[in-house]
Amino acid sequence: MEGKTFEVVISELALQSLQQVYEYGVETFALSAANIFIDELYDRIYRLSTDYLTHPECRYMVTKSKMYRNIIHGGYIVIYRITAARIEVLNVLHNSRSISSIKSSRSVKF
């Protein structure tokens, strides 16, 4: 897998979570700050097409293949899965969420 470029696919659950992150940002920090934060987050997600191995394995979803990884962005964790054909963004969670919430990302379907 090293050196390949993959398509990045975002699950419906992750899209809903990103929308909630944005809405929370608008309510809490103002529109301009929310726009900057969400733009940076989407940029990091789409850079996974080539940078998928630069992020650590998700410590709550350890596998031999290290297919579950995460990005930490501000107070949020982006959980993604590396498959043979693409990068699947499973969920975006606040880092204060329970471990079981993070582990449940494994069952996200596309």
Protein backbone atom coordinates (compact mmCIF):
# COMPACT_ATOMS: atom_id res chain seq x y z
CA MET A 1 0.00 0.00 0.00
CA GLU A 2 2.91 2.34 0.54
CA GLY A 3 3.26 5.04 -2.10
CA LYS A 4 -0.18 4.50 -3.61
CA THR A 5 -2.87 7.11 -4.04
CA PHE A 6 -6.33 6.11 -2.86
CA GLU A 7 -9.80 7.53 -3.21
CA VAL A 8 -11.08 8.98 0.09
CA VAL A 9 -14.69 8.10 0.87
CA ILE A 10 -16.56 9.68 3.78
CA SER A 11 -19.36 7.70 5.43
CA GLU A 12 -22.79 9.19 5.97
CA LEU A 13 -22.15 9.02 9.72
CA ALA A 14 -18.90 10.97 9.36
CA LEU A 15 -20.64 13.59 7.17
CA GLN A 16 -23.31 14.04 9.84
CA SER A 17 -20.62 14.34 12.51
CA LEU A 18 -18.73 16.94 10.45
CA GLN A 19 -21.95 18.95 10.11
CA GLN A 20 -22.43 18.82 13.88
CA VAL A 21 -18.83 19.91 14.46
CA TYR A 22 -19.40 22.86 12.12
CA GLU A 23 -22.69 23.87 13.76
CA TYR A 24 -21.12 23.68 17.21
CA GLY A 25 -18.24 25.85 15.98
CA VAL A 26 -20.62 28.47 14.59
CA GLU A 27 -22.61 28.58 17.85
CA THR A 28 -19.55 28.63 20.08
CA PHE A 29 -16.76 30.42 18.20
CA ALA A 30 -18.44 32.38 15.36
CA LEU A 31 -18.87 31.71 11.68
CA SER A 32 -15.38 32.66 10.53
CA ALA A 33 -13.63 30.45 13.12
CA ALA A 34 -15.96 27.54 12.32
CA ASN A 35 -15.25 27.92 8.60
CA ILE A 36 -11.49 27.89 9.15
CA PHE A 37 -11.66 24.88 11.46
CA ILE A 38 -13.89 22.79 9.19
CA ASP A 39 -11.89 23.73 6.07
CA GLU A 40 -8.68 22.60 7.76
CA LEU A 41 -10.34 19.38 8.87
CA TYR A 42 -11.64 18.57 5.37
CA ASP A 43 -8.20 19.38 3.95
CA ARG A 44 -6.57 16.88 6.32
CA ILE A 45 -9.21 14.27 5.47
CA TYR A 46 -8.70 14.60 1.70
CA ARG A 47 -4.92 14.52 2.08
CA LEU A 48 -5.40 10.96 3.33
CA SER A 49 -5.41 9.93 -0.33
CA THR A 50 -1.61 10.02 -0.09
CA ASP A 51 -0.87 10.59 3.61
CA TYR A 52 -2.87 7.66 4.99
CA LEU A 53 0.15 5.99 6.62
CA THR A 54 1.47 9.10 8.38
CA HIS A 55 -1.15 8.95 11.13
CA PRO A 56 -1.01 6.51 14.05
CA GLU A 57 -2.98 3.33 14.38
CA CYS A 58 -6.14 3.86 16.41
CA ARG A 59 -5.20 2.48 19.82
CA TYR A 60 -8.79 1.37 20.52
CA MET A 61 -9.06 -0.65 17.28
CA VAL A 62 -5.74 -2.46 17.00
CA THR A 63 -5.31 -4.99 14.17
CA LYS A 64 -2.33 -6.82 12.72
CA SER A 65 -2.70 -4.91 9.46
CA LYS A 66 -3.02 -1.54 11.25
CA MET A 67 -5.96 -0.73 9.00
CA TYR A 68 -7.74 1.51 11.55
CA ARG A 69 -5.99 4.82 12.03
CA ASN A 70 -6.88 8.25 13.31
CA ILE A 71 -6.22 11.93 12.84
CA ILE A 72 -6.31 14.23 15.85
CA HIS A 73 -7.55 17.69 14.90
CA GLY A 74 -8.17 20.10 17.74
CA GLY A 75 -10.42 18.27 20.17
CA TYR A 76 -11.64 15.80 17.55
CA ILE A 77 -10.55 12.39 16.36
CA VAL A 78 -11.15 11.27 12.77
CA ILE A 79 -11.31 7.47 12.52
CA TYR A 80 -10.48 5.96 9.13
CA ARG A 81 -9.93 2.53 7.63
CA ILE A 82 -7.41 1.59 4.96
CA THR A 83 -8.75 -0.97 2.50
CA ALA A 84 -7.21 -2.43 -0.65
CA ALA A 85 -9.24 -0.03 -2.81
CA ARG A 86 -9.77 3.17 -0.82
CA ILE A 87 -9.57 5.13 2.42
CA GLU A 88 -12.85 5.07 4.33
CA VAL A 89 -13.50 7.86 6.83
CA LEU A 90 -15.72 6.17 9.39
CA ASN A 91 -16.52 8.84 11.96
CA VAL A 92 -15.48 12.14 13.53
CA LEU A 93 -15.82 12.22 17.31
CA HIS A 94 -14.93 14.63 20.08
CA ASN A 95 -12.02 13.17 22.01
CA SER A 96 -14.04 13.20 25.23
CA ARG A 97 -16.33 10.47 23.85
CA SER A 98 -16.26 7.03 25.41
CA ILE A 99 -14.00 4.28 24.14
CA SER A 100 -17.06 2.25 23.14
CA SER A 101 -18.19 5.14 20.87
CA ILE A 102 -14.82 5.05 19.16
CA LYS A 103 -14.85 1.25 18.85
CA SER A 104 -18.35 1.30 17.34
CA SER A 105 -16.86 3.13 14.32
CA ARG A 106 -15.55 -0.26 13.20
CA SER A 107 -19.07 -1.34 12.21
CA VAL A 108 -19.80 1.65 9.91
CA LYS A 109 -21.05 0.46 6.51
CA PHE A 110 -20.66 2.12 3.10
